[in-house]
Amino acid sequence: MRPFREDMEVLANSHRTTYQRARSNNRPEQTWFAADMTITPDGDFLTGTLGYSERQEHREFDDVTWSWVKGATREEDSASEQTVVPFAVDLRDENRWVAFAVSPRLQHSAFRSGFENVLRQAVVDAGLIGAEWDVDLVLSRASVDSWIDRHPRVFTMTRTVKFSNPGRDFDDDRVEMRSMGARRKTEEFAAPPRRILDVHSEEFQAKLVGTETGDLELHLKARAEGGESVARFNSRDRADETYVEDFSVLEQGLEAVLQALREYSATRSGSEDYVQPRLGDV
């Protein structure tokens, strides 16, 4: 297996980290790019930007007729500060963490899918045979427990286990997957009608392990106390948050997310229980 650093270097230099996203409801098509990718002098990290452009109509105000209606219009494919964000990647095989900032129009779930798609397309275009690429959000166990504390009447749990990064131990789920040649294992636990699962049982708690490393997708449904409404939890759309220094230009953002990732990686190497928010596992 090639080192992760080598594959990412190939992709960074290929200028093929792009894909087209078709959209419905007459919304403009988006063109996504991962760009500005640079490896740090120590060779351990890569920084870059991810964002999308879309076809937009720009209308000028006509100050002669004092009218927006009569103003000239033009169309162009463009991005904005709300559709481009900085990110950093830990290139070491035992880590592979990703840190990124968010914007009003590019939140954590959009970053996950956008980065995953540009990488997958680039892998195909670059001919990196045998490489599988997933981007998974990391959610601390504390955040999962907090949601369950607020919604204890869980009646359905669906969990999907994926192979961990190379070098991590295989648990029983992955041993079973490996023996069958499977990449994923999905199982559902559903309570009887009008009943709920025992969220305090050892078996339930054991099924929550893995969100903090990006190896587990978790979906929960819980009934409201004394009501018919249902609360839903989906780990693919959630990530813990932390704060970095505010930045007005992308160059400053690159430094901010890189520093956050360096601190996170250093802390992770010293503790398996600590998770720095807003980080993804590639």
Protein backbone atom coordinates (compact mmCIF):
# COMPACT_ATOMS: atom_id res chain seq x y z
CA MET A 1 0.00 0.00 0.00
CA ARG A 2 1.33 3.42 -0.97
CA PRO A 3 1.84 5.98 1.79
CA PHE A 4 -1.08 8.38 2.16
CA ARG A 5 1.35 11.29 1.78
CA GLU A 6 2.39 10.10 -1.69
CA ASP A 7 -1.18 9.78 -2.94
CA MET A 8 -2.13 13.22 -1.65
CA GLU A 9 0.97 14.73 -3.25
CA VAL A 10 0.00 13.20 -6.59
CA LEU A 11 -3.51 14.61 -6.30
CA ALA A 12 -2.30 18.03 -5.19
CA ASN A 13 -0.03 18.29 -8.23
CA SER A 14 -2.55 16.86 -10.70
CA HIS A 15 -4.90 19.87 -10.78
CA ARG A 16 -7.70 17.32 -11.24
CA THR A 17 -9.34 17.78 -7.87
CA THR A 18 -12.65 19.00 -9.29
CA TYR A 19 -16.12 17.73 -10.06
CA GLN A 20 -19.47 18.98 -11.35
CA ARG A 21 -22.49 18.75 -9.10
CA ALA A 22 -25.83 18.74 -10.90
CA ARG A 23 -28.74 20.20 -8.92
CA SER A 24 -32.49 19.96 -9.15
CA ASN A 25 -35.30 22.52 -8.91
CA ASN A 26 -33.67 24.75 -11.52
CA ARG A 27 -30.84 25.61 -9.15
CA PRO A 28 -27.52 26.33 -10.88
CA GLU A 29 -24.96 23.57 -11.33
CA GLN A 30 -21.97 23.80 -9.00
CA THR A 31 -18.33 23.31 -9.98
CA TRP A 32 -16.24 22.20 -7.00
CA PHE A 33 -12.47 22.63 -6.68
CA ALA A 34 -9.88 21.66 -4.08
CA ALA A 35 -7.04 24.09 -4.78
CA ASP A 36 -4.03 25.95 -3.37
CA MET A 37 -2.74 22.63 -2.00
CA THR A 38 0.69 22.96 -0.44
CA ILE A 39 2.67 20.53 1.69
CA THR A 40 4.35 22.02 4.74
CA PRO A 41 8.19 21.97 4.89
CA ASP A 42 8.15 19.16 7.47
CA GLY A 43 6.12 17.02 5.04
CA ASP A 44 3.50 16.14 7.64
CA PHE A 45 0.65 18.43 6.65
CA LEU A 46 -1.08 19.75 3.56
CA THR A 47 -3.12 22.96 3.39
CA GLY A 48 -5.60 23.99 0.74
CA THR A 49 -8.95 25.52 -0.09
CA LEU A 50 -12.22 23.86 -1.00
CA GLY A 51 -15.14 25.62 -2.61
CA TYR A 52 -17.55 25.82 -5.47
CA SER A 53 -18.59 28.27 -8.13
CA GLU A 54 -22.01 28.50 -9.75
CA ARG A 55 -23.67 30.40 -12.55
CA GLN A 56 -25.02 33.66 -11.16
CA GLU A 57 -26.82 36.65 -12.62
CA HIS A 58 -25.42 40.02 -11.59
CA ARG A 59 -27.61 43.08 -12.01
CA GLU A 60 -26.32 46.65 -12.03
CA PHE A 61 -28.35 49.57 -10.76
CA ASP A 62 -29.32 52.09 -13.49
CA ASP A 63 -28.86 55.47 -11.86
CA VAL A 64 -30.15 57.31 -14.97
CA THR A 65 -33.63 55.79 -14.76
CA TRP A 66 -33.21 55.08 -11.03
CA SER A 67 -34.17 51.47 -11.61
CA TRP A 68 -33.06 47.97 -10.80
CA VAL A 69 -35.42 46.58 -13.44
CA LYS A 70 -33.76 48.50 -16.25
CA GLY A 71 -30.25 47.90 -15.02
CA ALA A 72 -27.83 45.88 -17.17
CA THR A 73 -27.37 42.22 -16.30
CA ARG A 74 -24.56 39.76 -16.86
CA GLU A 75 -24.03 36.10 -16.04
CA GLU A 76 -20.79 34.59 -14.79
CA ASP A 77 -19.58 31.45 -13.08
CA SER A 78 -18.16 32.63 -9.78
CA ALA A 79 -17.61 31.86 -6.10
CA SER A 80 -17.70 34.08 -3.02
CA GLU A 81 -16.30 34.22 0.50
CA GLN A 82 -19.33 32.13 1.52
CA THR A 83 -18.54 29.24 -0.83
CA VAL A 84 -14.77 28.79 -0.34
CA VAL A 85 -13.14 27.63 2.93
CA PRO A 86 -9.61 26.66 4.05
CA PHE A 87 -8.63 23.18 5.20
CA ALA A 88 -5.59 21.24 6.39
CA VAL A 89 -4.77 17.51 6.23
CA ASP A 90 -2.46 15.47 8.47
CA LEU A 91 -0.58 13.33 5.94
CA ARG A 92 0.85 10.80 8.38
CA ASP A 93 -0.57 7.33 7.78
CA GLU A 94 -1.48 6.82 11.41
CA ASN A 95 -3.48 10.07 11.49
CA ARG A 96 -5.10 11.30 8.23
CA TRP A 97 -7.13 13.92 10.09
CA VAL A 98 -8.68 16.90 8.32
CA ALA A 99 -9.47 20.29 9.88
CA PHE A 100 -11.56 22.91 8.10
CA ALA A 101 -13.41 26.15 8.60
CA VAL A 102 -17.06 26.62 7.67
CA SER A 103 -19.09 29.40 6.11
CA PRO A 104 -22.81 30.23 5.97
CA ARG A 105 -23.15 28.35 2.66
CA LEU A 106 -20.54 25.64 3.24
CA GLN A 107 -21.23 23.84 6.48
CA HIS A 108 -19.67 20.62 7.75
CA SER A 109 -21.90 18.16 5.85
CA ALA A 110 -21.36 20.08 2.59
CA PHE A 111 -17.60 20.09 3.17
CA ARG A 112 -17.62 16.35 3.82
CA SER A 113 -19.46 15.52 0.60
CA GLY A 114 -17.61 18.13 -1.47
CA PHE A 115 -14.13 17.07 -0.38
CA GLU A 116 -15.02 13.40 -0.76
CA ASN A 117 -16.26 13.94 -4.31
CA VAL A 118 -13.27 15.95 -5.52
CA LEU A 119 -10.89 13.34 -4.08
CA ARG A 120 -12.76 10.42 -5.61
CA GLN A 121 -12.85 12.08 -9.02
CA ALA A 122 -9.17 12.96 -8.83
CA VAL A 123 -8.23 9.41 -7.82
CA VAL A 124 -9.94 8.07 -10.94
CA ASP A 125 -8.45 10.72 -13.23
CA ALA A 126 -4.96 10.24 -11.78
CA GLY A 127 -5.14 6.46 -12.16
CA LEU A 128 -4.51 5.66 -8.51
CA ILE A 129 -5.76 2.09 -8.81
CA GLY A 130 -6.93 0.45 -5.61
CA ALA A 131 -7.40 3.64 -3.64
CA GLU A 132 -10.72 4.05 -1.82
CA TRP A 133 -11.53 7.50 -0.51
CA ASP A 134 -14.07 8.44 2.15
CA VAL A 135 -14.30 11.61 4.20
CA ASP A 136 -15.99 11.06 7.55
CA LEU A 137 -16.93 13.65 10.13
CA VAL A 138 -15.61 13.11 13.63
CA LEU A 139 -18.08 13.47 16.47
CA SER A 140 -16.94 13.12 20.07
CA ARG A 141 -18.60 10.57 22.30
CA ALA A 142 -19.55 13.39 24.65
CA SER A 143 -21.66 14.98 21.91
CA VAL A 144 -23.45 11.69 21.22
CA ASP A 145 -24.10 11.18 24.93
CA SER A 146 -25.39 14.74 25.25
CA TRP A 147 -27.94 14.18 22.48
CA ILE A 148 -29.13 10.94 24.10
CA ASP A 149 -29.42 12.70 27.48
CA ARG A 150 -31.76 15.22 25.84
CA HIS A 151 -33.64 12.52 23.88
CA PRO A 152 -33.53 9.37 26.03
CA ARG A 153 -36.56 7.67 24.46
CA VAL A 154 -34.56 6.12 21.61
CA PHE A 155 -36.55 3.49 19.74
CA THR A 156 -34.33 2.89 16.70
CA MET A 157 -30.56 2.71 16.28
CA THR A 158 -28.90 2.13 12.90
CA ARG A 159 -25.12 1.86 12.83
CA THR A 160 -22.78 1.37 9.89
CA VAL A 161 -19.24 0.23 10.64
CA LYS A 162 -16.45 0.93 8.14
CA PHE A 163 -12.85 -0.14 8.02
CA SER A 164 -10.61 2.07 10.09
CA ASN A 165 -7.51 3.83 8.91
CA PRO A 166 -4.53 1.53 8.33
CA GLY A 167 -2.68 0.76 11.53
CA ARG A 168 -5.71 0.81 13.82
CA ASP A 169 -6.84 -2.34 15.58
CA PHE A 170 -9.65 -4.42 14.11
CA ASP A 171 -12.55 -5.01 16.48
CA ASP A 172 -14.99 -7.92 16.16
CA ASP A 173 -17.09 -6.10 13.57
CA ARG A 174 -14.13 -5.52 11.28
CA VAL A 175 -12.78 -9.04 11.75
CA GLU A 176 -16.15 -10.30 10.52
CA MET A 177 -16.17 -7.82 7.63
CA ARG A 178 -12.66 -8.76 6.64
CA SER A 179 -13.45 -12.48 6.58
CA MET A 180 -16.40 -11.81 4.24
CA GLY A 181 -14.58 -9.28 2.04
CA ALA A 182 -16.98 -6.51 3.07
CA ARG A 183 -16.24 -2.79 3.32
CA ARG A 184 -19.27 -1.90 5.44
CA LYS A 185 -21.53 -3.51 7.97
CA THR A 186 -24.94 -2.03 8.76
CA GLU A 187 -27.20 -3.23 11.54
CA GLU A 188 -30.46 -1.92 12.99
CA PHE A 189 -31.85 -2.24 16.49
CA ALA A 190 -35.57 -1.46 16.79
CA ALA A 191 -37.67 -1.54 19.94
CA PRO A 192 -41.11 -3.22 19.94
CA PRO A 193 -44.10 -0.94 19.18
CA ARG A 194 -44.53 1.80 21.80
CA ARG A 195 -41.37 0.63 23.59
CA ILE A 196 -37.86 2.10 23.72
CA LEU A 197 -34.30 0.76 23.76
CA ASP A 198 -32.30 0.56 26.96
CA VAL A 199 -29.81 3.33 26.28
CA HIS A 200 -28.02 2.64 29.58
CA SER A 201 -27.22 -0.98 28.85
CA GLU A 202 -23.62 -2.02 28.23
CA GLU A 203 -24.60 -3.43 24.85
CA PHE A 204 -26.13 -0.13 23.69
CA GLN A 205 -23.18 1.90 24.93
CA ALA A 206 -20.73 -0.44 23.20
CA LYS A 207 -22.49 0.18 19.90
CA LEU A 208 -21.64 3.89 20.10
CA VAL A 209 -17.88 3.40 19.93
CA GLY A 210 -16.35 4.68 16.70
CA THR A 211 -17.95 8.06 16.00
CA GLU A 212 -14.93 9.75 17.59
CA THR A 213 -12.63 8.20 14.98
CA GLY A 214 -14.91 8.55 11.95
CA ASP A 215 -15.30 4.77 11.64
CA LEU A 216 -18.99 4.64 12.56
CA GLU A 217 -22.08 6.21 11.03
CA LEU A 218 -24.84 6.44 13.59
CA HIS A 219 -28.55 7.15 13.11
CA LEU A 220 -30.90 7.42 16.10
CA LYS A 221 -34.62 8.10 16.41
CA ALA A 222 -36.20 9.11 19.70
CA ARG A 223 -39.78 9.88 20.72
CA ALA A 224 -40.57 13.09 22.50
CA GLU A 225 -41.74 12.70 26.09
CA GLY A 226 -45.54 12.46 26.05
CA GLY A 227 -45.77 13.37 22.37
CA GLU A 228 -45.78 11.97 18.87
CA SER A 229 -42.89 14.00 17.46
CA VAL A 230 -39.63 12.22 16.63
CA ALA A 231 -36.12 13.60 17.10
CA ARG A 232 -33.45 12.34 14.69
CA PHE A 233 -29.70 12.07 15.05
CA ASN A 234 -27.41 11.54 12.04
CA SER A 235 -23.64 11.52 12.56
CA ARG A 236 -23.04 12.18 8.83
CA ASP A 237 -24.45 15.67 9.28
CA ARG A 238 -22.83 16.55 12.60
CA ALA A 239 -19.41 17.48 13.89
CA ASP A 240 -18.15 19.04 17.08
CA GLU A 241 -17.08 22.66 16.88
CA THR A 242 -14.19 24.72 18.12
CA TYR A 243 -13.09 28.29 17.54
CA VAL A 244 -10.07 29.64 15.71
CA GLU A 245 -8.86 33.19 15.32
CA ASP A 246 -11.15 35.16 13.04
CA PHE A 247 -9.70 35.70 9.58
CA SER A 248 -10.63 38.07 6.80
CA VAL A 249 -8.57 36.49 4.00
CA LEU A 250 -8.07 32.86 3.06
CA GLU A 251 -4.32 32.98 3.67
CA GLN A 252 -4.98 33.71 7.34
CA GLY A 253 -7.58 30.95 7.40
CA LEU A 254 -5.04 28.44 6.10
CA GLU A 255 -2.73 29.25 8.99
CA ALA A 256 -5.58 29.06 11.50
CA VAL A 257 -6.83 25.60 10.47
CA LEU A 258 -3.26 24.28 10.18
CA GLN A 259 -2.49 25.39 13.72
CA ALA A 260 -5.75 23.83 14.97
CA LEU A 261 -4.87 20.57 13.25
CA ARG A 262 -1.32 20.51 14.64
CA GLU A 263 -2.70 20.93 18.15
CA TYR A 264 -5.38 18.31 17.59
CA SER A 265 -2.99 15.71 16.17
CA ALA A 266 -0.58 16.24 19.06
CA THR A 267 -3.39 15.78 21.56
CA ARG A 268 -4.81 12.72 19.80
CA SER A 269 -1.46 10.98 19.93
CA GLY A 270 -1.54 11.34 23.71
CA SER A 271 -5.17 10.39 24.33
CA GLU A 272 -7.65 8.16 22.55
CA ASP A 273 -10.58 9.86 24.28
CA TYR A 274 -9.97 13.48 23.35
CA VAL A 275 -11.46 14.78 20.10
CA GLN A 276 -10.84 18.23 18.72
CA PRO A 277 -14.08 19.42 17.09
CA ARG A 278 -14.76 20.04 13.42
CA LEU A 279 -12.27 17.47 12.25
CA GLY A 280 -12.80 14.76 9.69
CA ASP A 281 -11.11 11.43 9.12
CA VAL A 282 -10.17 10.71 5.48
